[in-house]
Amino acid sequence: MTAPTTTSVDTSTRSVRALRTPGGLSVRVDPRAALVTVLVGAAAFAVGVVLIGSGDYPMSFGEVVDTLLGNGTAAQEFIVRDLRLPRALVAVLVGASLALSGAIFQSLSRNPLGSPDVIGFSHGASVGALCVIVLFGGSALTVSVGAVAGGLATGALVYTLAWRRGVHGLRLVLVGIGVAAMLSSVIHFLVTKANLVDATRATLWMTGSLDGRDWTQVGPLALVLAVLVPVTLVHGRPLRMLEMGDDAAYALGVPLERTRIVLIGCGVLFIAVATGAAGPIAFVALSAPQLARRLTRAPGPNLAAAAVMGAALLLAADWIATAAFPGRQLPVGVVTGVLGGCYLLWLLVTERRAGRL
């Protein structure tokens, strides 16, 4: 068997390498995007190690790495593997899910503000989860199921309302914003009608937190992502073509509505499972894909770079939440809300100066 060959494809702005195998498989690799993905992934790993080493029982970077490699003491093994590692892994999986959902919807809508927490999908997942908490007093598993059901129902509603001989990006955003406003009212109604215990639980859940996450959340999240990520990556090239417009994508052989339905389904499931696992964590889905695209300087959704960027952002936010005020731990959703709000203001100013708003 001969080794894969590498060829260069020159474009007007950058050099893209095509990796070809003897079986005829061809994968286009952007060197800068690949380097950014690796570097951001390394940064996410470093932040994750620092996060695991933080807490009432502090550990150095080297001690955490040694423990992860199986060379720690019994106490270190318990603290790292049983208490802190699951939380870090949930942060990675939730951050990647949020970022991938944001990348999908920003590409489909061709709008940097087309994030699932802006166009209503995270609101739908929140309504589903709150219905389980307030009306049925459900467990963590049933809350996650309710979030997925609410997200899927909202996705179907937005798609139906936005449909008119296809789903136009601007129409998707406008319909999603309207649905989000209505669902926000439903969220407030559910909280006000709950008893004191359920209202307190719902309010805590609505802030978005990784506190208390353990291996029972890691397994289902990893399983869902193991199914959704390959499906999303396979549709990465059609998604990039959809960014050029329906006419161009159709001329290039993309089955428009089938591709759009699959991608919307994946995007809704990403945001729904992330919301079910950690509550509604704001702005990661909005900012991670945009930051990844600015670093890679590559067209298209940049799915891999966006995923590792989302993981790095949520790990960093959780570390800030645990370390900013000694003796008092903030919910990670508070940190992402503050940082994301600043990023959104900057994005709006940038888009306005560029004449796109």
Protein backbone atom coordinates (compact mmCIF):
# COMPACT_ATOMS: atom_id res chain seq x y z
CA MET A 1 0.00 0.00 0.00
CA THR A 2 1.37 3.36 -0.97
CA ALA A 3 1.39 6.29 1.42
CA PRO A 4 -1.17 9.09 1.10
CA THR A 5 -0.05 11.87 -1.18
CA THR A 6 -0.32 15.53 -0.37
CA THR A 7 -1.02 18.19 -2.96
CA SER A 8 -1.40 21.93 -2.62
CA VAL A 9 -4.39 23.85 -3.90
CA ASP A 10 -3.75 27.57 -4.29
CA THR A 11 -6.64 29.94 -3.70
CA SER A 12 -6.78 33.70 -3.85
CA THR A 13 -6.09 34.08 -0.16
CA ARG A 14 -4.38 30.95 1.19
CA SER A 15 -2.90 27.54 0.40
CA VAL A 16 -5.02 24.50 1.17
CA ARG A 17 -3.57 21.01 1.15
CA ALA A 18 -5.51 18.04 -0.14
CA LEU A 19 -4.61 14.73 1.49
CA ARG A 20 -5.43 11.85 -0.87
CA THR A 21 -5.45 8.13 -0.09
CA PRO A 22 -5.09 5.23 -2.57
CA GLY A 23 -8.78 4.45 -2.07
CA GLY A 24 -9.75 7.79 -3.58
CA LEU A 25 -10.61 9.59 -0.34
CA SER A 26 -9.62 13.24 -0.36
CA VAL A 27 -9.49 15.49 2.69
CA ARG A 28 -8.75 19.20 2.34
CA VAL A 29 -6.60 20.53 5.17
CA ASP A 30 -5.95 24.20 5.87
CA PRO A 31 -2.54 24.37 7.61
CA ARG A 32 -3.37 27.53 9.57
CA ALA A 33 -6.74 26.19 10.70
CA ALA A 34 -5.17 22.90 11.74
CA LEU A 35 -2.45 24.71 13.70
CA VAL A 36 -5.00 26.95 15.44
CA THR A 37 -7.09 23.89 16.36
CA VAL A 38 -4.07 22.13 17.86
CA LEU A 39 -2.91 25.20 19.79
CA VAL A 40 -6.37 25.98 21.17
CA GLY A 41 -6.76 22.31 22.09
CA ALA A 42 -3.46 22.45 23.96
CA ALA A 43 -4.62 25.62 25.74
CA ALA A 44 -7.87 23.88 26.70
CA PHE A 45 -5.90 20.96 28.14
CA ALA A 46 -3.68 23.33 30.15
CA VAL A 47 -6.68 25.26 31.51
CA GLY A 48 -8.38 21.97 32.34
CA VAL A 49 -5.37 20.80 34.34
CA VAL A 50 -5.28 24.13 36.21
CA LEU A 51 -9.02 23.84 36.89
CA ILE A 52 -8.64 20.30 38.25
CA GLY A 53 -5.82 21.48 40.51
CA SER A 54 -7.91 24.33 41.95
CA GLY A 55 -10.10 24.06 45.04
CA ASP A 56 -9.94 23.49 48.77
CA TYR A 57 -7.22 20.89 48.20
CA PRO A 58 -4.90 22.65 45.70
CA MET A 59 -2.61 20.62 43.47
CA SER A 60 0.21 21.72 41.20
CA PHE A 61 0.12 21.27 37.44
CA GLY A 62 2.63 18.41 37.64
CA GLU A 63 0.73 16.66 40.44
CA VAL A 64 -2.47 16.72 38.41
CA VAL A 65 -0.73 15.32 35.33
CA ASP A 66 0.99 12.59 37.38
CA THR A 67 -2.35 11.66 38.94
CA LEU A 68 -4.04 11.50 35.54
CA LEU A 69 -1.25 9.15 34.43
CA GLY A 70 -1.89 6.94 37.46
CA ASN A 71 1.07 8.03 39.60
CA GLY A 72 -0.74 9.99 42.32
CA THR A 73 -1.43 9.11 45.93
CA ALA A 74 -4.73 7.54 47.00
CA ALA A 75 -6.06 10.94 48.13
CA GLN A 76 -5.01 12.60 44.89
CA GLU A 77 -6.57 9.80 42.84
CA PHE A 78 -9.89 10.26 44.66
CA ILE A 79 -9.88 14.05 44.35
CA VAL A 80 -8.88 14.10 40.69
CA ARG A 81 -10.65 11.08 39.22
CA ASP A 82 -13.80 11.00 41.32
CA LEU A 83 -14.44 14.66 42.13
CA ARG A 84 -12.80 17.07 39.67
CA LEU A 85 -12.13 15.23 36.42
CA PRO A 86 -15.82 14.56 35.65
CA ARG A 87 -16.61 18.24 36.05
CA ALA A 88 -13.81 19.20 33.66
CA LEU A 89 -14.95 16.62 31.12
CA VAL A 90 -18.54 17.87 31.31
CA ALA A 91 -17.18 21.39 30.68
CA VAL A 92 -15.30 20.14 27.61
CA LEU A 93 -18.29 18.27 26.19
CA VAL A 94 -20.80 21.03 26.94
CA GLY A 95 -18.49 23.75 25.56
CA ALA A 96 -17.88 21.78 22.36
CA SER A 97 -21.63 21.12 21.97
CA LEU A 98 -22.50 24.79 22.39
CA ALA A 99 -19.82 25.87 19.94
CA LEU A 100 -20.82 23.34 17.29
CA SER A 101 -24.46 24.38 17.60
CA GLY A 102 -23.46 28.01 17.23
CA ALA A 103 -21.26 27.28 14.20
CA ILE A 104 -24.10 25.41 12.49
CA PHE A 105 -26.74 28.10 12.98
CA GLN A 106 -24.43 31.01 12.21
CA SER A 107 -23.51 29.33 8.93
CA LEU A 108 -27.10 28.41 8.03
CA SER A 109 -28.34 31.91 8.79
CA ARG A 110 -25.19 33.56 7.34
CA ASN A 111 -25.34 35.89 10.32
CA PRO A 112 -22.88 36.14 13.24
CA LEU A 113 -25.86 36.78 15.52
CA GLY A 114 -27.59 33.57 14.41
CA SER A 115 -26.72 31.78 17.63
CA PRO A 116 -29.04 29.21 19.25
CA ASP A 117 -29.27 31.28 22.43
CA VAL A 118 -30.42 34.26 20.33
CA ILE A 119 -32.88 32.51 17.99
CA GLY A 120 -34.74 30.55 20.62
CA PHE A 121 -33.44 26.99 20.66
CA SER A 122 -31.82 27.23 24.08
CA HIS A 123 -35.02 28.84 25.37
CA GLY A 124 -36.97 25.85 24.13
CA ALA A 125 -34.63 23.46 25.88
CA SER A 126 -34.96 25.54 29.06
CA VAL A 127 -38.77 25.43 28.88
CA GLY A 128 -38.70 21.65 28.49
CA ALA A 129 -36.37 21.23 31.46
CA LEU A 130 -38.33 23.67 33.65
CA CYS A 131 -41.59 21.85 32.88
CA VAL A 132 -40.02 18.69 34.26
CA ILE A 133 -38.66 20.51 37.35
CA VAL A 134 -41.74 22.58 38.17
CA LEU A 135 -44.57 20.29 37.10
CA PHE A 136 -43.13 16.87 37.86
CA GLY A 137 -40.18 17.43 40.21
CA GLY A 138 -38.06 15.23 37.98
CA SER A 139 -34.55 13.91 38.47
CA ALA A 140 -31.43 15.09 36.65
CA LEU A 141 -31.97 12.46 33.93
CA THR A 142 -35.59 13.43 33.28
CA VAL A 143 -34.62 17.11 33.27
CA SER A 144 -32.14 16.34 30.49
CA VAL A 145 -34.81 14.42 28.58
CA GLY A 146 -37.17 17.37 28.99
CA ALA A 147 -34.51 19.75 27.67
CA VAL A 148 -33.98 17.60 24.57
CA ALA A 149 -37.74 17.34 23.96
CA GLY A 150 -38.19 21.09 24.38
CA GLY A 151 -35.30 21.88 22.07
CA LEU A 152 -36.56 19.56 19.34
CA ALA A 153 -40.11 20.95 19.60
CA THR A 154 -38.76 24.50 19.33
CA GLY A 155 -36.60 23.56 16.36
CA ALA A 156 -39.60 22.09 14.55
CA LEU A 157 -41.69 25.19 15.35
CA VAL A 158 -39.05 27.67 14.16
CA TYR A 159 -38.38 25.67 10.99
CA THR A 160 -42.11 25.48 10.19
CA LEU A 161 -42.71 29.19 10.78
CA ALA A 162 -39.60 30.18 8.81
CA TRP A 163 -40.45 27.95 5.83
CA ARG A 164 -41.55 29.63 2.62
CA ARG A 165 -40.21 27.81 -0.41
CA GLY A 166 -37.15 27.13 1.70
CA VAL A 167 -35.68 28.60 4.87
CA HIS A 168 -33.94 31.93 4.32
CA GLY A 169 -31.24 32.87 6.84
CA LEU A 170 -32.69 36.26 7.82
CA ARG A 171 -36.17 34.79 8.17
CA LEU A 172 -34.79 32.04 10.41
CA VAL A 173 -33.17 34.62 12.70
CA LEU A 174 -36.26 36.86 12.90
CA VAL A 175 -38.64 33.98 13.57
CA GLY A 176 -36.22 32.57 16.14
CA ILE A 177 -36.00 35.89 17.99
CA GLY A 178 -39.79 36.09 18.15
CA VAL A 179 -40.10 32.52 19.43
CA ALA A 180 -37.36 33.23 21.99
CA ALA A 181 -39.34 36.21 23.32
CA MET A 182 -42.46 34.06 23.74
CA LEU A 183 -40.55 31.25 25.41
CA SER A 184 -38.93 33.72 27.82
CA SER A 185 -42.42 34.59 29.02
CA VAL A 186 -43.21 30.90 29.48
CA ILE A 187 -40.02 30.51 31.55
CA HIS A 188 -41.00 33.39 33.86
CA PHE A 189 -44.53 32.00 34.19
CA LEU A 190 -43.27 28.55 35.21
CA VAL A 191 -40.94 30.00 37.83
CA THR A 192 -43.63 32.23 39.36
CA LYS A 193 -46.17 29.38 39.53
CA ALA A 194 -43.78 26.91 41.20
CA ASN A 195 -43.67 26.28 44.93
CA LEU A 196 -40.76 27.67 46.88
CA VAL A 197 -38.58 24.55 46.68
CA ASP A 198 -39.11 23.99 42.95
CA ALA A 199 -38.75 27.72 42.20
CA THR A 200 -35.41 27.79 44.01
CA ARG A 201 -34.23 24.70 42.16
CA ALA A 202 -35.39 26.13 38.83
CA THR A 203 -33.67 29.47 39.49
CA LEU A 204 -30.40 27.76 40.37
CA TRP A 205 -30.65 25.60 37.26
CA MET A 206 -31.37 28.64 35.05
CA THR A 207 -28.07 30.29 36.01
CA GLY A 208 -26.09 27.49 34.34
CA SER A 209 -23.64 25.62 36.51
CA LEU A 210 -21.15 22.75 36.43
CA ASP A 211 -21.20 22.28 40.19
CA GLY A 212 -21.81 18.70 41.30
CA ARG A 213 -21.39 17.16 37.85
CA ASP A 214 -20.11 13.59 37.97
CA TRP A 215 -19.56 10.56 35.75
CA THR A 216 -23.32 10.03 35.32
CA GLN A 217 -23.41 13.15 33.12
CA VAL A 218 -20.18 12.38 31.24
CA GLY A 219 -21.33 9.07 29.75
CA PRO A 220 -24.59 10.22 28.09
CA LEU A 221 -22.97 13.43 26.82
CA ALA A 222 -20.05 11.54 25.29
CA LEU A 223 -22.43 9.02 23.69
CA VAL A 224 -24.60 11.71 22.10
CA LEU A 225 -21.56 13.61 20.79
CA ALA A 226 -20.07 10.38 19.42
CA VAL A 227 -23.14 10.16 17.17
CA LEU A 228 -23.69 13.84 16.34
CA VAL A 229 -20.11 14.99 15.72
CA PRO A 230 -19.39 12.60 12.80
CA VAL A 231 -22.75 13.45 11.19
CA THR A 232 -21.97 17.17 11.51
CA LEU A 233 -18.43 16.83 10.16
CA VAL A 234 -19.68 14.83 7.16
CA HIS A 235 -22.01 17.73 6.36
CA GLY A 236 -19.28 20.32 6.91
CA ARG A 237 -18.60 20.82 3.20
CA PRO A 238 -22.31 21.19 2.24
CA LEU A 239 -22.67 23.62 5.15
CA ARG A 240 -19.84 25.71 3.75
CA MET A 241 -21.56 25.72 0.36
CA LEU A 242 -24.85 26.81 1.95
CA GLU A 243 -23.03 29.90 3.23
CA MET A 244 -22.68 30.99 -0.41
CA GLY A 245 -26.46 30.98 -0.85
CA ASP A 246 -29.05 28.45 -1.91
CA ASP A 247 -28.59 29.03 -5.64
CA ALA A 248 -24.84 28.45 -5.51
CA ALA A 249 -25.20 25.43 -3.23
CA TYR A 250 -27.87 23.89 -5.47
CA ALA A 251 -25.69 24.44 -8.54
CA LEU A 252 -22.88 22.60 -6.75
CA GLY A 253 -25.13 19.60 -6.15
CA VAL A 254 -26.14 20.13 -2.51
CA PRO A 255 -29.59 18.74 -1.62
CA LEU A 256 -30.74 21.90 0.08
CA GLU A 257 -33.63 21.02 2.37
CA ARG A 258 -32.38 17.55 3.30
CA THR A 259 -29.00 18.98 4.27
CA ARG A 260 -30.59 21.88 6.12
CA ILE A 261 -32.94 19.59 8.08
CA VAL A 262 -30.08 17.29 9.12
CA LEU A 263 -27.92 20.22 10.22
CA ILE A 264 -30.74 21.96 12.09
CA GLY A 265 -31.50 18.67 13.85
CA CYS A 266 -27.86 18.27 14.87
CA GLY A 267 -27.62 21.89 16.01
CA VAL A 268 -30.78 21.63 18.10
CA LEU A 269 -29.63 18.38 19.70
CA PHE A 270 -26.23 19.90 20.51
CA ILE A 271 -27.76 22.85 22.33
CA ALA A 272 -30.45 20.70 23.98
CA VAL A 273 -28.08 18.11 25.48
CA ALA A 274 -25.69 20.86 26.62
CA THR A 275 -28.56 22.73 28.29
CA GLY A 276 -29.84 19.55 29.89
CA ALA A 277 -26.41 18.75 31.31
CA ALA A 278 -25.40 22.17 32.66
CA GLY A 279 -28.36 24.52 32.32
CA PRO A 280 -28.58 27.44 29.88
CA ILE A 281 -25.01 28.73 29.57
CA ALA A 282 -25.08 31.95 27.57
CA PHE A 283 -22.84 33.32 24.83
CA VAL A 284 -20.45 30.38 24.34
CA ALA A 285 -22.42 29.33 21.25
CA LEU A 286 -22.29 32.92 19.99
CA SER A 287 -18.64 33.74 20.62
CA ALA A 288 -16.72 30.47 20.14
CA PRO A 289 -17.38 30.05 16.37
CA GLN A 290 -16.59 33.72 15.72
CA LEU A 291 -13.34 33.61 17.69
CA ALA A 292 -12.33 30.41 15.89
CA ARG A 293 -13.05 31.96 12.50
CA ARG A 294 -11.06 35.09 13.33
CA LEU A 295 -8.06 33.01 14.42
CA THR A 296 -8.12 30.58 11.50
CA ARG A 297 -8.99 33.29 8.94
CA ALA A 298 -10.61 30.50 6.95
CA PRO A 299 -14.03 30.55 5.26
CA GLY A 300 -16.72 28.13 6.26
CA PRO A 301 -17.98 27.00 9.67
CA ASN A 302 -14.55 25.84 11.02
CA LEU A 303 -16.27 23.09 13.01
CA ALA A 304 -13.19 21.51 14.60
CA ALA A 305 -11.67 24.84 15.62
CA ALA A 306 -15.03 26.04 16.96
CA ALA A 307 -15.44 22.87 19.07
CA VAL A 308 -12.06 23.16 20.80
CA MET A 309 -12.59 26.91 21.23
CA GLY A 310 -15.91 26.26 22.96
CA ALA A 311 -14.29 23.71 25.28
CA ALA A 312 -11.45 26.13 26.10
CA LEU A 313 -13.84 29.03 26.78
CA LEU A 314 -16.06 27.05 29.14
CA LEU A 315 -13.09 25.58 31.01
CA ALA A 316 -11.61 29.07 31.40
CA ALA A 317 -14.97 30.48 32.54
CA ASP A 318 -15.37 27.69 35.10
CA TRP A 319 -11.86 28.32 36.41
CA ILE A 320 -12.67 32.03 36.78
CA ALA A 321 -15.93 31.12 38.53
CA THR A 322 -14.09 28.98 41.09
CA ALA A 323 -11.07 31.25 41.61
CA ALA A 324 -12.39 34.82 41.29
CA PHE A 325 -13.84 34.99 44.81
CA PRO A 326 -12.04 32.72 47.30
CA GLY A 327 -14.48 30.89 49.51
CA ARG A 328 -17.43 31.66 47.22
CA GLN A 329 -18.03 29.85 43.93
CA LEU A 330 -19.95 31.54 41.13
CA PRO A 331 -22.11 29.63 38.65
CA VAL A 332 -20.26 29.39 35.36
CA GLY A 333 -23.29 30.88 33.56
CA VAL A 334 -22.74 34.16 35.41
CA VAL A 335 -19.16 34.40 34.13
CA THR A 336 -20.06 33.52 30.53
CA GLY A 337 -22.92 36.03 30.68
CA VAL A 338 -20.62 38.88 31.73
CA LEU A 339 -17.84 38.02 29.28
CA GLY A 340 -20.26 37.17 26.49
CA GLY A 341 -22.18 40.40 26.95
CA CYS A 342 -18.98 42.38 26.48
CA TYR A 343 -18.17 40.33 23.38
CA LEU A 344 -21.66 40.88 21.96
CA LEU A 345 -21.37 44.65 22.36
CA TRP A 346 -17.99 44.58 20.63
CA LEU A 347 -19.42 42.41 17.83
CA LEU A 348 -22.35 44.77 17.29
CA VAL A 349 -20.03 47.79 17.09
CA THR A 350 -17.75 45.94 14.65
CA GLU A 351 -20.65 44.85 12.42
CA ARG A 352 -22.07 48.38 12.41
CA ARG A 353 -18.75 49.94 11.44
CA ALA A 354 -18.46 47.39 8.64
CA GLY A 355 -21.88 48.46 7.36
CA ARG A 356 -23.52 45.08 7.95
CA LEU A 357 -25.96 46.41 10.59
